[in-house]
Amino acid sequence: MKSAQEKIKFMLGRKIGMTQILVDQKIVPVTVVEAGPLTVTQVKTLEKDGYAGVQFGFGLQKHLNKPQIGHLKDLNHFAYLREIALDDGQSVEGLEEASVGKTLDVSIFNNKDFIKVSGMSKGKGFQGVVKRHGFHGSDKTHGTKDRWRAPGSIGSTDAQHVFKGRKMAGRMGFDRISVKNLKVVKVEPEENLLYIKGAIPGNKDRLVYIFGANSAK
């Protein structure tokens, strides 16, 4: 029977930043993530909760409210609690290490593994149509003044209202973004570090979700 670490290839991490390392005599750009360790804080079952899943705690904080203290009991004061639902037909009874208090670390990943990373993209605030949607803008000649980055006409002659979905100025960024088929090039279990080839979503210190190729969704 496979262990939980072999079946559940899932990790929470904190984006540290980008650098470059030497791999097989080639310079490779990588994103460094402080991944785990995770502690199992709750196990969801089909009989009790209607679905099978595992909740993990990551990071530490000083203060918790009373409901959080009651939920975590003798465990640490975790800053983040996140859970994953297991695939259809997969039961927690088949996961030997899926019990409260057990831990997962970055060693569940190996060099050359392919993963999916999800996170919140950088927030850009309120932006105009040129930056948000790539509009060309107006000409800078022939009497144009202070309208170079304006959206132009937004209405309709016939319907006399603005149609839903019209590309206009508004909030940009801070969306859930997932990037698939990213390659793990280096794992440092002693330092809880994961080196991922290329860029991943989000600012530095942002929480990211890391899924293995065969992990639960």
N, C-alpha and C. Protein backbone atom coordinates (compact mmCIF):
# COMPACT_ATOMS: atom_id res chain seq x y z
N MET A 1 0.85 -1.21 0.00
CA MET A 1 0.00 0.00 0.00
C MET A 1 0.88 1.25 0.00
N LYS A 2 0.53 2.19 -0.85
CA LYS A 2 1.32 3.41 -0.92
C LYS A 2 1.07 4.28 0.30
N SER A 3 2.06 5.10 0.63
CA SER A 3 1.93 6.00 1.76
C SER A 3 1.25 7.28 1.30
N ALA A 4 0.87 8.12 2.28
CA ALA A 4 0.22 9.40 1.95
C ALA A 4 1.17 10.30 1.18
N GLN A 5 2.47 10.23 1.52
CA GLN A 5 3.42 11.08 0.82
C GLN A 5 3.55 10.69 -0.65
N GLU A 6 3.29 9.42 -0.98
CA GLU A 6 3.36 8.98 -2.36
C GLU A 6 2.07 9.28 -3.10
N LYS A 7 0.95 9.27 -2.43
CA LYS A 7 -0.34 9.49 -3.08
C LYS A 7 -0.70 10.96 -3.17
N ILE A 8 -0.45 11.71 -2.11
CA ILE A 8 -0.83 13.12 -2.08
C ILE A 8 0.41 13.96 -2.38
N LYS A 9 0.59 14.33 -3.63
CA LYS A 9 1.70 15.20 -4.00
C LYS A 9 1.19 16.63 -4.03
N PHE A 10 1.09 17.21 -2.85
CA PHE A 10 0.57 18.56 -2.69
C PHE A 10 1.41 19.28 -1.65
N MET A 11 1.68 20.56 -1.90
CA MET A 11 2.50 21.32 -0.97
C MET A 11 2.09 22.78 -1.01
N LEU A 12 2.12 23.42 0.15
CA LEU A 12 1.96 24.87 0.25
C LEU A 12 3.34 25.48 0.42
N GLY A 13 3.53 26.65 -0.16
CA GLY A 13 4.83 27.27 -0.07
C GLY A 13 4.76 28.78 -0.08
N ARG A 14 5.88 29.38 0.19
CA ARG A 14 6.02 30.85 0.19
C ARG A 14 7.05 31.22 -0.86
N LYS A 15 6.63 32.04 -1.82
CA LYS A 15 7.54 32.45 -2.89
C LYS A 15 8.63 33.36 -2.32
N ILE A 16 9.88 32.96 -2.52
CA ILE A 16 11.01 33.74 -2.02
C ILE A 16 11.51 34.71 -3.09
N GLY A 17 11.64 34.24 -4.31
CA GLY A 17 12.13 35.11 -5.38
C GLY A 17 12.77 34.28 -6.47
N MET A 18 13.37 34.97 -7.46
CA MET A 18 14.00 34.29 -8.58
C MET A 18 15.52 34.45 -8.54
N THR A 19 16.18 33.45 -9.08
CA THR A 19 17.63 33.48 -9.21
C THR A 19 17.99 32.58 -10.38
N GLN A 20 19.26 32.22 -10.49
CA GLN A 20 19.68 31.28 -11.52
C GLN A 20 20.71 30.33 -10.94
N ILE A 21 20.64 29.08 -11.38
CA ILE A 21 21.57 28.07 -10.90
C ILE A 21 22.15 27.33 -12.10
N LEU A 22 23.24 26.61 -11.85
CA LEU A 22 23.92 25.85 -12.89
C LEU A 22 23.44 24.41 -12.86
N VAL A 23 22.85 23.96 -13.97
CA VAL A 23 22.35 22.59 -14.09
C VAL A 23 22.91 21.99 -15.37
N ASP A 24 23.70 20.92 -15.23
CA ASP A 24 24.32 20.26 -16.39
C ASP A 24 25.06 21.26 -17.27
N GLN A 25 25.84 22.11 -16.62
CA GLN A 25 26.67 23.10 -17.30
C GLN A 25 25.85 24.14 -18.06
N LYS A 26 24.59 24.33 -17.66
CA LYS A 26 23.75 25.35 -18.27
C LYS A 26 23.14 26.22 -17.19
N ILE A 27 23.05 27.52 -17.47
CA ILE A 27 22.42 28.46 -16.56
C ILE A 27 20.90 28.34 -16.71
N VAL A 28 20.21 28.05 -15.59
CA VAL A 28 18.76 27.87 -15.62
C VAL A 28 18.11 28.89 -14.69
N PRO A 29 17.16 29.71 -15.19
CA PRO A 29 16.42 30.63 -14.31
C PRO A 29 15.41 29.85 -13.49
N VAL A 30 15.41 30.09 -12.19
CA VAL A 30 14.53 29.34 -11.29
C VAL A 30 13.83 30.28 -10.31
N THR A 31 12.68 29.82 -9.82
CA THR A 31 11.99 30.48 -8.72
C THR A 31 12.19 29.64 -7.47
N VAL A 32 12.62 30.27 -6.39
CA VAL A 32 12.87 29.57 -5.13
C VAL A 32 11.62 29.69 -4.25
N VAL A 33 11.15 28.55 -3.78
CA VAL A 33 9.94 28.50 -2.94
C VAL A 33 10.28 27.80 -1.63
N GLU A 34 9.92 28.43 -0.52
CA GLU A 34 10.01 27.76 0.77
C GLU A 34 8.74 26.91 0.92
N ALA A 35 8.89 25.62 0.73
CA ALA A 35 7.74 24.71 0.65
C ALA A 35 7.66 23.83 1.89
N GLY A 36 6.54 23.95 2.62
CA GLY A 36 6.32 23.10 3.79
C GLY A 36 7.25 23.46 4.94
N PRO A 37 7.31 22.58 5.94
CA PRO A 37 6.53 21.33 6.05
C PRO A 37 5.05 21.60 6.37
N LEU A 38 4.20 20.65 5.95
CA LEU A 38 2.78 20.72 6.22
C LEU A 38 2.41 19.73 7.32
N THR A 39 1.44 20.12 8.12
CA THR A 39 0.93 19.24 9.18
C THR A 39 -0.55 18.97 8.92
N VAL A 40 -0.93 17.71 8.98
CA VAL A 40 -2.33 17.34 8.79
C VAL A 40 -3.13 17.81 10.00
N THR A 41 -4.10 18.69 9.77
CA THR A 41 -4.91 19.23 10.87
C THR A 41 -6.32 18.65 10.91
N GLN A 42 -6.79 18.06 9.79
CA GLN A 42 -8.13 17.47 9.76
C GLN A 42 -8.23 16.52 8.58
N VAL A 43 -8.95 15.44 8.78
CA VAL A 43 -9.18 14.46 7.72
C VAL A 43 -10.68 14.41 7.44
N LYS A 44 -11.07 14.64 6.18
CA LYS A 44 -12.48 14.62 5.79
C LYS A 44 -12.83 13.24 5.23
N THR A 45 -13.97 12.72 5.62
CA THR A 45 -14.40 11.40 5.15
C THR A 45 -15.75 11.49 4.45
N LEU A 46 -16.03 10.49 3.62
CA LEU A 46 -17.29 10.45 2.90
C LEU A 46 -18.48 10.33 3.84
N GLU A 47 -18.33 9.54 4.91
CA GLU A 47 -19.44 9.32 5.83
C GLU A 47 -19.80 10.56 6.62
N LYS A 48 -18.81 11.32 7.03
CA LYS A 48 -19.05 12.47 7.90
C LYS A 48 -19.21 13.77 7.14
N ASP A 49 -18.39 13.97 6.12
CA ASP A 49 -18.34 15.26 5.43
C ASP A 49 -18.89 15.23 4.01
N GLY A 50 -19.16 14.05 3.50
CA GLY A 50 -19.68 13.95 2.14
C GLY A 50 -18.63 13.86 1.06
N TYR A 51 -17.37 14.01 1.42
CA TYR A 51 -16.28 13.88 0.45
C TYR A 51 -15.01 13.52 1.22
N ALA A 52 -14.04 13.00 0.52
CA ALA A 52 -12.77 12.63 1.13
C ALA A 52 -11.74 13.72 0.87
N GLY A 53 -11.08 14.14 1.90
CA GLY A 53 -10.08 15.19 1.75
C GLY A 53 -9.19 15.29 2.97
N VAL A 54 -8.14 16.08 2.84
CA VAL A 54 -7.17 16.27 3.92
C VAL A 54 -6.89 17.76 4.05
N GLN A 55 -6.94 18.26 5.27
CA GLN A 55 -6.63 19.67 5.55
C GLN A 55 -5.23 19.77 6.14
N PHE A 56 -4.47 20.77 5.65
CA PHE A 56 -3.09 20.94 6.08
C PHE A 56 -2.91 22.32 6.71
N GLY A 57 -1.98 22.41 7.65
CA GLY A 57 -1.57 23.68 8.24
C GLY A 57 -0.17 24.03 7.80
N PHE A 58 0.06 25.31 7.51
CA PHE A 58 1.37 25.76 7.03
C PHE A 58 1.69 27.12 7.63
N GLY A 59 2.96 27.32 8.01
CA GLY A 59 3.38 28.59 8.58
C GLY A 59 2.88 28.76 9.99
N LEU A 60 3.44 29.74 10.69
CA LEU A 60 3.07 29.97 12.08
C LEU A 60 2.68 31.42 12.29
N GLN A 61 1.79 31.65 13.25
CA GLN A 61 1.43 32.98 13.69
C GLN A 61 1.26 32.98 15.20
N LYS A 62 1.28 34.17 15.78
CA LYS A 62 1.26 34.27 17.24
C LYS A 62 -0.13 34.08 17.82
N HIS A 63 -1.12 34.69 17.19
CA HIS A 63 -2.43 34.77 17.82
C HIS A 63 -3.49 34.00 17.02
N LEU A 64 -4.34 33.29 17.72
CA LEU A 64 -5.48 32.60 17.13
C LEU A 64 -6.74 32.97 17.91
N ASN A 65 -7.88 32.95 17.22
CA ASN A 65 -9.13 33.16 17.95
C ASN A 65 -9.58 31.83 18.57
N LYS A 66 -10.62 31.87 19.38
CA LYS A 66 -11.03 30.67 20.11
C LYS A 66 -11.48 29.53 19.20
N PRO A 67 -12.24 29.80 18.12
CA PRO A 67 -12.59 28.69 17.23
C PRO A 67 -11.37 28.02 16.61
N GLN A 68 -10.36 28.82 16.24
CA GLN A 68 -9.15 28.25 15.67
C GLN A 68 -8.39 27.42 16.70
N ILE A 69 -8.34 27.91 17.94
CA ILE A 69 -7.66 27.16 19.00
C ILE A 69 -8.35 25.83 19.25
N GLY A 70 -9.69 25.86 19.25
CA GLY A 70 -10.43 24.62 19.46
C GLY A 70 -10.26 23.64 18.31
N HIS A 71 -10.14 24.17 17.11
CA HIS A 71 -9.97 23.30 15.94
C HIS A 71 -8.59 22.65 15.93
N LEU A 72 -7.56 23.44 16.23
CA LEU A 72 -6.19 22.93 16.16
C LEU A 72 -5.78 22.16 17.41
N LYS A 73 -6.43 22.45 18.53
CA LYS A 73 -6.15 21.75 19.79
C LYS A 73 -4.67 21.84 20.15
N ASP A 74 -3.97 20.69 20.18
CA ASP A 74 -2.58 20.67 20.64
C ASP A 74 -1.59 20.92 19.51
N LEU A 75 -2.06 21.23 18.31
CA LEU A 75 -1.15 21.49 17.20
C LEU A 75 -0.63 22.93 17.27
N ASN A 76 0.26 23.27 16.36
CA ASN A 76 0.84 24.62 16.34
C ASN A 76 -0.18 25.66 15.89
N HIS A 77 0.18 26.92 16.08
CA HIS A 77 -0.65 28.03 15.63
C HIS A 77 -0.34 28.32 14.16
N PHE A 78 -1.03 27.64 13.27
CA PHE A 78 -0.73 27.77 11.85
C PHE A 78 -1.31 29.05 11.27
N ALA A 79 -0.55 29.65 10.36
CA ALA A 79 -1.00 30.86 9.70
C ALA A 79 -1.98 30.55 8.57
N TYR A 80 -1.83 29.39 7.92
CA TYR A 80 -2.68 29.02 6.80
C TYR A 80 -3.25 27.62 7.02
N LEU A 81 -4.53 27.47 6.74
CA LEU A 81 -5.18 26.17 6.73
C LEU A 81 -5.80 25.98 5.35
N ARG A 82 -5.33 24.97 4.65
CA ARG A 82 -5.84 24.70 3.30
C ARG A 82 -6.09 23.20 3.18
N GLU A 83 -7.09 22.85 2.37
CA GLU A 83 -7.38 21.43 2.20
C GLU A 83 -7.49 21.07 0.72
N ILE A 84 -7.30 19.79 0.43
CA ILE A 84 -7.49 19.28 -0.92
C ILE A 84 -8.48 18.13 -0.85
N ALA A 85 -9.33 18.05 -1.84
CA ALA A 85 -10.27 16.94 -1.95
C ALA A 85 -9.63 15.85 -2.78
N LEU A 86 -9.76 14.62 -2.34
CA LEU A 86 -9.18 13.50 -3.06
C LEU A 86 -9.99 13.18 -4.31
N ASP A 87 -9.37 12.47 -5.22
CA ASP A 87 -10.04 12.09 -6.46
C ASP A 87 -11.22 11.17 -6.17
N ASP A 88 -12.16 11.12 -7.10
CA ASP A 88 -13.31 10.23 -6.97
C ASP A 88 -12.84 8.78 -6.84
N GLY A 89 -13.39 8.09 -5.87
CA GLY A 89 -13.01 6.71 -5.66
C GLY A 89 -11.82 6.52 -4.74
N GLN A 90 -11.12 7.62 -4.42
CA GLN A 90 -9.97 7.53 -3.51
C GLN A 90 -10.44 7.81 -2.09
N SER A 91 -10.06 6.97 -1.17
CA SER A 91 -10.51 7.08 0.21
C SER A 91 -9.33 7.34 1.13
N VAL A 92 -9.60 8.08 2.22
CA VAL A 92 -8.53 8.36 3.18
C VAL A 92 -8.10 7.10 3.92
N GLU A 93 -8.95 6.06 3.91
CA GLU A 93 -8.56 4.82 4.57
C GLU A 93 -7.36 4.18 3.88
N GLY A 94 -7.17 4.50 2.61
CA GLY A 94 -6.03 3.95 1.89
C GLY A 94 -4.75 4.74 2.07
N LEU A 95 -4.82 5.83 2.83
CA LEU A 95 -3.64 6.66 3.07
C LEU A 95 -3.15 6.44 4.49
N GLU A 96 -2.07 5.69 4.63
CA GLU A 96 -1.59 5.30 5.94
C GLU A 96 -1.20 6.50 6.80
N GLU A 97 -0.67 7.54 6.19
CA GLU A 97 -0.16 8.67 6.96
C GLU A 97 -1.13 9.85 6.98
N ALA A 98 -2.35 9.68 6.47
CA ALA A 98 -3.34 10.76 6.48
C ALA A 98 -4.08 10.76 7.80
N SER A 99 -3.40 11.14 8.84
CA SER A 99 -4.00 11.26 10.17
C SER A 99 -3.52 12.54 10.81
N VAL A 100 -4.31 13.08 11.70
CA VAL A 100 -4.01 14.38 12.32
C VAL A 100 -2.66 14.32 13.03
N GLY A 101 -1.84 15.32 12.75
CA GLY A 101 -0.52 15.41 13.36
C GLY A 101 0.62 14.94 12.48
N LYS A 102 0.32 14.18 11.44
CA LYS A 102 1.36 13.73 10.52
C LYS A 102 1.84 14.90 9.67
N THR A 103 3.06 14.80 9.17
CA THR A 103 3.65 15.91 8.41
C THR A 103 4.06 15.45 7.01
N LEU A 104 4.03 16.40 6.10
CA LEU A 104 4.57 16.22 4.75
C LEU A 104 5.64 17.27 4.53
N ASP A 105 6.72 16.90 3.87
CA ASP A 105 7.77 17.88 3.57
C ASP A 105 8.08 17.87 2.09
N VAL A 106 9.02 18.71 1.71
CA VAL A 106 9.31 18.93 0.30
C VAL A 106 9.95 17.71 -0.36
N SER A 107 10.34 16.72 0.42
CA SER A 107 10.96 15.52 -0.15
C SER A 107 9.98 14.68 -0.96
N ILE A 108 8.67 15.01 -0.95
CA ILE A 108 7.72 14.29 -1.80
C ILE A 108 7.97 14.57 -3.28
N PHE A 109 8.74 15.64 -3.57
CA PHE A 109 9.10 15.96 -4.96
C PHE A 109 10.54 15.56 -5.22
N ASN A 110 10.81 15.22 -6.47
CA ASN A 110 12.14 14.84 -6.91
C ASN A 110 12.59 15.74 -8.05
N ASN A 111 13.88 15.75 -8.30
CA ASN A 111 14.40 16.47 -9.46
C ASN A 111 13.76 15.93 -10.73
N LYS A 112 13.43 16.82 -11.64
CA LYS A 112 12.83 16.50 -12.94
C LYS A 112 11.35 16.16 -12.84
N ASP A 113 10.73 16.32 -11.67
CA ASP A 113 9.27 16.19 -11.57
C ASP A 113 8.60 17.36 -12.28
N PHE A 114 7.43 17.11 -12.84
CA PHE A 114 6.64 18.18 -13.44
C PHE A 114 5.46 18.49 -12.52
N ILE A 115 5.23 19.76 -12.27
CA ILE A 115 4.24 20.18 -11.28
C ILE A 115 3.36 21.29 -11.85
N LYS A 116 2.28 21.56 -11.13
CA LYS A 116 1.42 22.71 -11.41
C LYS A 116 1.47 23.64 -10.21
N VAL A 117 1.65 24.93 -10.47
CA VAL A 117 1.73 25.92 -9.40
C VAL A 117 0.60 26.93 -9.58
N SER A 118 -0.15 27.16 -8.50
CA SER A 118 -1.24 28.13 -8.52
C SER A 118 -0.99 29.20 -7.46
N GLY A 119 -1.40 30.42 -7.77
CA GLY A 119 -1.24 31.52 -6.82
C GLY A 119 -1.96 32.75 -7.32
N MET A 120 -1.97 33.78 -6.49
CA MET A 120 -2.60 35.04 -6.86
C MET A 120 -1.58 35.93 -7.56
N SER A 121 -1.95 36.40 -8.75
CA SER A 121 -1.05 37.25 -9.53
C SER A 121 -0.88 38.61 -8.85
N LYS A 122 0.11 39.35 -9.30
CA LYS A 122 0.38 40.66 -8.74
C LYS A 122 -0.79 41.61 -9.02
N GLY A 123 -1.21 42.35 -8.01
CA GLY A 123 -2.28 43.32 -8.18
C GLY A 123 -1.75 44.62 -8.77
N LYS A 124 -2.41 45.12 -9.81
CA LYS A 124 -1.98 46.35 -10.49
C LYS A 124 -2.86 47.55 -10.15
N GLY A 125 -3.92 47.32 -9.37
CA GLY A 125 -4.80 48.42 -9.03
C GLY A 125 -5.73 48.77 -10.18
N PHE A 126 -6.27 49.99 -10.16
CA PHE A 126 -7.19 50.46 -11.21
C PHE A 126 -6.37 50.93 -12.40
N GLN A 127 -6.59 50.31 -13.58
CA GLN A 127 -5.81 50.64 -14.76
C GLN A 127 -6.73 50.97 -15.93
N GLY A 128 -6.19 51.72 -16.87
CA GLY A 128 -6.94 52.10 -18.07
C GLY A 128 -6.92 50.99 -19.11
N VAL A 129 -7.59 51.27 -20.23
CA VAL A 129 -7.76 50.23 -21.25
C VAL A 129 -6.46 49.92 -21.99
N VAL A 130 -5.54 50.85 -22.08
CA VAL A 130 -4.29 50.60 -22.80
C VAL A 130 -3.46 49.56 -22.06
N LYS A 131 -3.32 49.72 -20.77
CA LYS A 131 -2.53 48.76 -20.00
C LYS A 131 -3.32 47.49 -19.70
N ARG A 132 -4.61 47.63 -19.44
CA ARG A 132 -5.41 46.47 -19.02
C ARG A 132 -5.76 45.54 -20.18
N HIS A 133 -6.07 46.14 -21.34
CA HIS A 133 -6.53 45.33 -22.47
C HIS A 133 -5.65 45.47 -23.71
N GLY A 134 -4.63 46.30 -23.65
CA GLY A 134 -3.74 46.45 -24.80
C GLY A 134 -4.30 47.29 -25.92
N PHE A 135 -5.19 48.25 -25.61
CA PHE A 135 -5.73 49.13 -26.65
C PHE A 135 -4.59 49.94 -27.28
N HIS A 136 -4.79 50.27 -28.55
CA HIS A 136 -3.77 51.03 -29.28
C HIS A 136 -3.71 52.48 -28.84
N GLY A 137 -4.85 53.04 -28.47
CA GLY A 137 -4.89 54.46 -28.14
C GLY A 137 -5.15 55.32 -29.37
N SER A 138 -5.39 56.59 -29.14
CA SER A 138 -5.71 57.51 -30.24
C SER A 138 -4.43 58.08 -30.85
N ASP A 139 -4.56 58.66 -32.04
CA ASP A 139 -3.43 59.33 -32.68
C ASP A 139 -3.01 60.55 -31.86
N LYS A 140 -1.75 60.88 -31.95
CA LYS A 140 -1.23 62.03 -31.22
C LYS A 140 -1.19 63.28 -32.10
N THR A 141 -1.88 63.23 -33.22
CA THR A 141 -1.90 64.37 -34.14
C THR A 141 -3.35 64.67 -34.52
N HIS A 142 -3.52 65.61 -35.43
CA HIS A 142 -4.83 65.97 -35.98
C HIS A 142 -5.82 66.41 -34.90
N GLY A 143 -5.33 67.27 -34.00
CA GLY A 143 -6.21 67.89 -33.02
C GLY A 143 -6.46 67.07 -31.76
N THR A 144 -5.86 65.89 -31.64
CA THR A 144 -6.06 65.08 -30.43
C THR A 144 -5.36 65.73 -29.24
N LYS A 145 -6.10 65.84 -28.12
CA LYS A 145 -5.53 66.45 -26.94
C LYS A 145 -6.05 65.73 -25.71
N ASP A 146 -5.14 65.20 -24.90
CA ASP A 146 -5.47 64.53 -23.63
C ASP A 146 -6.39 63.32 -23.82
N ARG A 147 -6.40 62.74 -25.02
CA ARG A 147 -7.25 61.58 -25.27
C ARG A 147 -6.46 60.41 -25.85
N TRP A 148 -5.14 60.43 -25.64
CA TRP A 148 -4.29 59.41 -26.25
C TRP A 148 -4.57 58.01 -25.71
N ARG A 149 -4.92 57.91 -24.44
CA ARG A 149 -5.13 56.60 -23.81
C ARG A 149 -6.60 56.37 -23.43
N ALA A 150 -7.49 57.13 -24.04
CA ALA A 150 -8.92 57.01 -23.74
C ALA A 150 -9.52 55.81 -24.48
N PRO A 151 -10.61 55.23 -23.97
CA PRO A 151 -11.21 54.06 -24.62
C PRO A 151 -12.00 54.37 -25.87
N GLY A 152 -12.39 55.61 -26.08
CA GLY A 152 -13.21 55.93 -27.23
C GLY A 152 -14.68 55.67 -26.94
N SER A 153 -15.49 55.53 -27.99
CA SER A 153 -16.91 55.32 -27.82
C SER A 153 -17.17 53.97 -27.17
N ILE A 154 -18.09 53.91 -26.20
CA ILE A 154 -18.40 52.67 -25.51
C ILE A 154 -19.85 52.26 -25.68
N GLY A 155 -20.68 53.12 -26.24
CA GLY A 155 -22.10 52.83 -26.36
C GLY A 155 -22.47 52.31 -27.74
N SER A 156 -23.76 52.24 -27.98
CA SER A 156 -24.28 51.76 -29.25
C SER A 156 -25.38 52.70 -29.72
N THR A 157 -25.43 52.97 -31.02
CA THR A 157 -26.44 53.88 -31.56
C THR A 157 -27.85 53.30 -31.43
N ASP A 158 -27.96 51.99 -31.65
CA ASP A 158 -29.28 51.37 -31.67
C ASP A 158 -29.77 51.04 -30.26
N ALA A 159 -29.02 50.23 -29.52
CA ALA A 159 -29.49 49.77 -28.21
C ALA A 159 -29.42 50.86 -27.15
N GLN A 160 -28.57 51.84 -27.35
CA GLN A 160 -28.43 52.98 -26.45
C GLN A 160 -28.09 52.57 -25.03
N HIS A 161 -27.28 51.55 -24.90
CA HIS A 161 -26.72 51.22 -23.59
C HIS A 161 -25.40 50.48 -23.81
N VAL A 162 -24.60 50.41 -22.75
CA VAL A 162 -23.31 49.73 -22.83
C VAL A 162 -23.53 48.24 -22.61
N PHE A 163 -23.09 47.41 -23.54
CA PHE A 163 -23.27 45.97 -23.44
C PHE A 163 -22.38 45.37 -22.36
N LYS A 164 -22.90 44.36 -21.70
CA LYS A 164 -22.14 43.67 -20.67
C LYS A 164 -20.92 42.99 -21.29
N GLY A 165 -19.78 43.12 -20.60
CA GLY A 165 -18.55 42.53 -21.09
C GLY A 165 -17.68 43.47 -21.88
N ARG A 166 -18.11 44.71 -22.05
CA ARG A 166 -17.32 45.69 -22.79
C ARG A 166 -15.97 45.89 -22.09
N LYS A 167 -14.90 45.89 -22.85
CA LYS A 167 -13.57 46.10 -22.30
C LYS A 167 -13.41 47.56 -21.90
N MET A 168 -13.28 47.79 -20.60
CA MET A 168 -13.16 49.14 -20.08
C MET A 168 -12.10 49.17 -18.99
N ALA A 169 -11.86 50.34 -18.45
CA ALA A 169 -10.91 50.48 -17.35
C ALA A 169 -11.45 49.78 -16.11
N GLY A 170 -10.57 49.33 -15.24
CA GLY A 170 -11.01 48.67 -14.03
C GLY A 170 -9.85 48.02 -13.28
N ARG A 171 -10.21 47.23 -12.29
CA ARG A 171 -9.19 46.57 -11.47
C ARG A 171 -8.44 45.54 -12.30
N MET A 172 -7.13 45.53 -12.15
CA MET A 172 -6.28 44.65 -12.94
C MET A 172 -5.40 43.82 -12.02
N GLY A 173 -5.29 42.55 -12.30
CA GLY A 173 -4.42 41.68 -11.51
C GLY A 173 -5.12 41.10 -10.31
N PHE A 174 -4.32 40.45 -9.44
CA PHE A 174 -4.79 39.75 -8.24
C PHE A 174 -5.87 38.74 -8.59
N ASP A 175 -5.56 37.90 -9.59
CA ASP A 175 -6.44 36.82 -10.02
C ASP A 175 -5.74 35.49 -9.75
N ARG A 176 -6.52 34.44 -9.55
CA ARG A 176 -5.96 33.11 -9.36
C ARG A 176 -5.40 32.62 -10.70
N ILE A 177 -4.10 32.36 -10.73
CA ILE A 177 -3.41 31.93 -11.93
C ILE A 177 -2.76 30.57 -11.67
N SER A 178 -2.89 29.66 -12.63
CA SER A 178 -2.25 28.36 -12.54
C SER A 178 -1.33 28.17 -13.74
N VAL A 179 -0.14 27.67 -13.47
CA VAL A 179 0.84 27.40 -14.52
C VAL A 179 1.18 25.91 -14.47
N LYS A 180 0.97 25.22 -15.58
CA LYS A 180 1.19 23.78 -15.63
C LYS A 180 2.55 23.44 -16.22
N ASN A 181 2.96 22.20 -16.00
CA ASN A 181 4.17 21.63 -16.60
C ASN A 181 5.43 22.41 -16.26
N LEU A 182 5.50 22.90 -15.04
CA LEU A 182 6.74 23.49 -14.55
C LEU A 182 7.64 22.37 -14.03
N LYS A 183 8.93 22.52 -14.21
CA LYS A 183 9.87 21.46 -13.88
C LYS A 183 10.63 21.77 -12.60
N VAL A 184 10.71 20.78 -11.72
CA VAL A 184 11.53 20.90 -10.51
C VAL A 184 12.97 20.57 -10.87
N VAL A 185 13.87 21.50 -10.62
CA VAL A 185 15.27 21.27 -10.98
C VAL A 185 16.16 20.98 -9.77
N LYS A 186 15.66 21.32 -8.56
CA LYS A 186 16.47 21.08 -7.37
C LYS A 186 15.58 21.06 -6.14
N VAL A 187 15.87 20.15 -5.22
CA VAL A 187 15.12 20.05 -3.97
C VAL A 187 16.12 20.05 -2.82
N GLU A 188 15.86 20.88 -1.81
CA GLU A 188 16.70 20.93 -0.61
C GLU A 188 15.82 20.66 0.60
N PRO A 189 15.64 19.38 0.98
CA PRO A 189 14.76 19.04 2.11
C PRO A 189 15.24 19.64 3.44
N GLU A 190 16.55 19.78 3.60
CA GLU A 190 17.07 20.31 4.87
C GLU A 190 16.64 21.75 5.08
N GLU A 191 16.54 22.52 3.99
CA GLU A 191 16.16 23.93 4.09
C GLU A 191 14.71 24.17 3.68
N ASN A 192 13.98 23.10 3.33
CA ASN A 192 12.59 23.20 2.86
C ASN A 192 12.47 24.10 1.63
N LEU A 193 13.42 23.95 0.71
CA LEU A 193 13.44 24.78 -0.48
C LEU A 193 13.18 23.95 -1.73
N LEU A 194 12.44 24.56 -2.65
CA LEU A 194 12.12 23.94 -3.92
C LEU A 194 12.52 24.91 -5.02
N TYR A 195 13.33 24.44 -5.98
CA TYR A 195 13.77 25.27 -7.09
C TYR A 195 12.98 24.86 -8.34
N ILE A 196 12.17 25.79 -8.85
CA ILE A 196 11.27 25.52 -9.96
C ILE A 196 11.74 26.31 -11.17
N LYS A 197 11.87 25.63 -12.30
CA LYS A 197 12.34 26.30 -13.52
C LYS A 197 11.30 27.30 -14.02
N GLY A 198 11.74 28.52 -14.27
CA GLY A 198 10.85 29.55 -14.80
C GLY A 198 10.19 30.36 -13.71
N ALA A 199 9.16 31.12 -14.10
CA ALA A 199 8.47 32.03 -13.19
C ALA A 199 7.15 31.43 -12.74
N ILE A 200 6.71 31.84 -11.56
CA ILE A 200 5.42 31.42 -11.03
C ILE A 200 4.64 32.68 -10.63
N PRO A 201 3.31 32.58 -10.48
CA PRO A 201 2.51 33.78 -10.20
C PRO A 201 2.79 34.36 -8.81
N GLY A 202 2.56 35.67 -8.69
CA GLY A 202 2.52 36.30 -7.38
C GLY A 202 3.75 37.11 -7.01
N ASN A 203 3.57 37.90 -5.95
CA ASN A 203 4.66 38.68 -5.38
C ASN A 203 5.53 37.80 -4.50
N LYS A 204 6.64 38.36 -4.05
CA LYS A 204 7.45 37.68 -3.05
C LYS A 204 6.64 37.54 -1.76
N ASP A 205 6.89 36.44 -1.04
CA ASP A 205 6.21 36.11 0.21
C ASP A 205 4.75 35.72 0.00
N ARG A 206 4.31 35.59 -1.24
CA ARG A 206 2.93 35.20 -1.51
C ARG A 206 2.77 33.69 -1.36
N LEU A 207 1.63 33.26 -0.84
CA LEU A 207 1.34 31.84 -0.70
C LEU A 207 1.07 31.23 -2.07
N VAL A 208 1.68 30.06 -2.33
CA VAL A 208 1.47 29.36 -3.59
C VAL A 208 1.09 27.91 -3.30
N TYR A 209 0.36 27.33 -4.24
CA TYR A 209 -0.09 25.94 -4.15
C TYR A 209 0.68 25.12 -5.18
N ILE A 210 1.25 24.02 -4.75
CA ILE A 210 2.07 23.19 -5.62
C ILE A 210 1.43 21.81 -5.71
N PHE A 211 1.11 21.40 -6.94
CA PHE A 211 0.47 20.11 -7.18
C PHE A 211 1.39 19.23 -8.01
N GLY A 212 1.54 17.98 -7.61
CA GLY A 212 2.27 17.01 -8.42
C GLY A 212 1.42 16.54 -9.58
N ALA A 213 2.04 15.79 -10.48
CA ALA A 213 1.35 15.35 -11.69
C ALA A 213 0.16 14.46 -11.36
N ASN A 214 0.25 13.66 -10.29
CA ASN A 214 -0.82 12.72 -9.94
C ASN A 214 -1.50 13.08 -8.63
N SER A 215 -1.44 14.37 -8.25
CA SER A 215 -2.03 14.76 -6.97
C SER A 215 -3.52 15.01 -7.12
N ALA A 216 -4.19 15.16 -5.97
CA ALA A 216 -5.61 15.51 -5.99
C ALA A 216 -5.78 16.93 -6.46
N LYS A 217 -6.96 17.24 -6.98
CA LYS A 217 -7.23 18.58 -7.50
C LYS A 217 -7.72 19.50 -6.39
